[in-house]
Amino acid sequence: MVRKGTPDAFDEILARKGFAVFAVDNRGRRAGPQFQTAIRHEFGAVELKDQLTVLDQLLAQYPQLDADRIGIGDGRMADR
């Protein structure tokens, strides 16, 4: 598992079951006003684009990840 900070219990459960778990702090989630402004009137679209960009970077950096077995939810990505 690659993460800054302390993983939560759900991440730990996924990791113990063999999933790679990545958390994405996309725009608007916990960032300041300049990032929150980016999602104004675009809620959902901008954050998904951010997550898909990170996913492309993760797949390039970690070739052992299976691009056909990815789950995205609540800012988390999991691959098993």
Protein backbone atom coordinates (compact mmCIF):
# COMPACT_ATOMS: atom_id res chain seq x y z
CA MET A 1 0.00 0.00 0.00
CA VAL A 2 1.35 3.44 -0.92
CA ARG A 3 -0.09 6.23 1.20
CA LYS A 4 0.86 9.31 3.10
CA GLY A 5 -0.67 9.44 6.54
CA THR A 6 -2.47 6.77 8.50
CA PRO A 7 -4.65 4.28 6.59
CA ASP A 8 -8.19 3.81 7.79
CA ALA A 9 -9.74 0.47 8.74
CA PHE A 10 -11.38 -0.10 5.34
CA ASP A 11 -8.04 0.40 3.57
CA GLU A 12 -6.44 -2.08 5.96
CA ILE A 13 -9.12 -4.69 5.24
CA LEU A 14 -8.66 -4.30 1.49
CA ALA A 15 -4.86 -4.51 1.81
CA ARG A 16 -5.09 -7.68 3.92
CA LYS A 17 -7.24 -9.25 1.20
CA GLY A 18 -4.54 -8.58 -1.39
CA PHE A 19 -5.72 -5.29 -2.85
CA ALA A 20 -3.40 -2.41 -3.66
CA VAL A 21 -5.10 0.71 -2.26
CA PHE A 22 -4.42 4.25 -3.39
CA ALA A 23 -6.09 7.37 -2.00
CA VAL A 24 -6.48 10.39 -4.26
CA ASP A 25 -7.00 13.85 -2.81
CA ASN A 26 -8.58 15.31 -5.91
CA ARG A 27 -9.58 18.92 -6.34
CA GLY A 28 -12.20 20.23 -3.98
CA ARG A 29 -12.04 17.47 -1.43
CA ARG A 30 -9.80 18.90 1.30
CA ALA A 31 -7.92 21.52 -0.66
CA GLY A 32 -8.13 25.27 -0.36
CA PRO A 33 -10.39 27.73 -2.16
CA GLN A 34 -8.40 27.75 -5.42
CA PHE A 35 -9.06 24.04 -5.88
CA GLN A 36 -12.69 24.26 -4.75
CA THR A 37 -13.28 26.94 -7.38
CA ALA A 38 -12.13 24.51 -10.09
CA ILE A 39 -15.12 22.23 -9.42
CA ARG A 40 -17.75 24.95 -9.24
CA HIS A 41 -20.60 23.99 -11.59
CA GLU A 42 -18.56 20.93 -12.64
CA PHE A 43 -19.10 18.76 -9.56
CA GLY A 44 -18.21 15.17 -10.34
CA ALA A 45 -16.61 15.69 -13.76
CA VAL A 46 -13.42 17.41 -12.60
CA GLU A 47 -12.83 15.03 -9.70
CA LEU A 48 -13.29 11.98 -11.93
CA LYS A 49 -10.87 13.42 -14.47
CA ASP A 50 -8.33 13.92 -11.64
CA GLN A 51 -8.78 10.32 -10.48
CA LEU A 52 -8.43 8.90 -14.00
CA THR A 53 -5.25 10.94 -14.52
CA VAL A 54 -3.80 9.52 -11.30
CA LEU A 55 -4.91 6.03 -12.35
CA ASP A 56 -2.99 6.35 -15.63
CA GLN A 57 0.10 7.42 -13.67
CA LEU A 58 -0.27 4.53 -11.21
CA LEU A 59 -0.66 1.96 -14.00
CA ALA A 60 2.49 3.30 -15.66
CA GLN A 61 4.46 3.28 -12.40
CA TYR A 62 3.24 -0.10 -11.10
CA PRO A 63 3.01 -2.56 -14.03
CA GLN A 64 1.85 -5.33 -11.67
CA LEU A 65 -1.54 -3.59 -11.38
CA ASP A 66 -4.27 -5.02 -13.60
CA ALA A 67 -6.02 -2.24 -15.55
CA ASP A 68 -9.03 -4.53 -16.11
CA ARG A 69 -9.61 -4.96 -12.36
CA ILE A 70 -9.80 -1.44 -10.94
CA GLY A 71 -12.37 -0.13 -8.47
CA ILE A 72 -12.82 3.57 -7.74
CA GLY A 73 -14.89 4.88 -4.88
CA ASP A 74 -14.81 7.70 -2.35
CA GLY A 75 -11.38 8.84 -3.55
CA ARG A 76 -9.93 5.32 -3.27
CA MET A 77 -8.67 3.04 -5.98
CA ALA A 78 -8.21 -0.68 -5.47
CA ASP A 79 -6.67 -3.37 -7.63
CA ARG A 80 -6.39 -7.04 -6.86
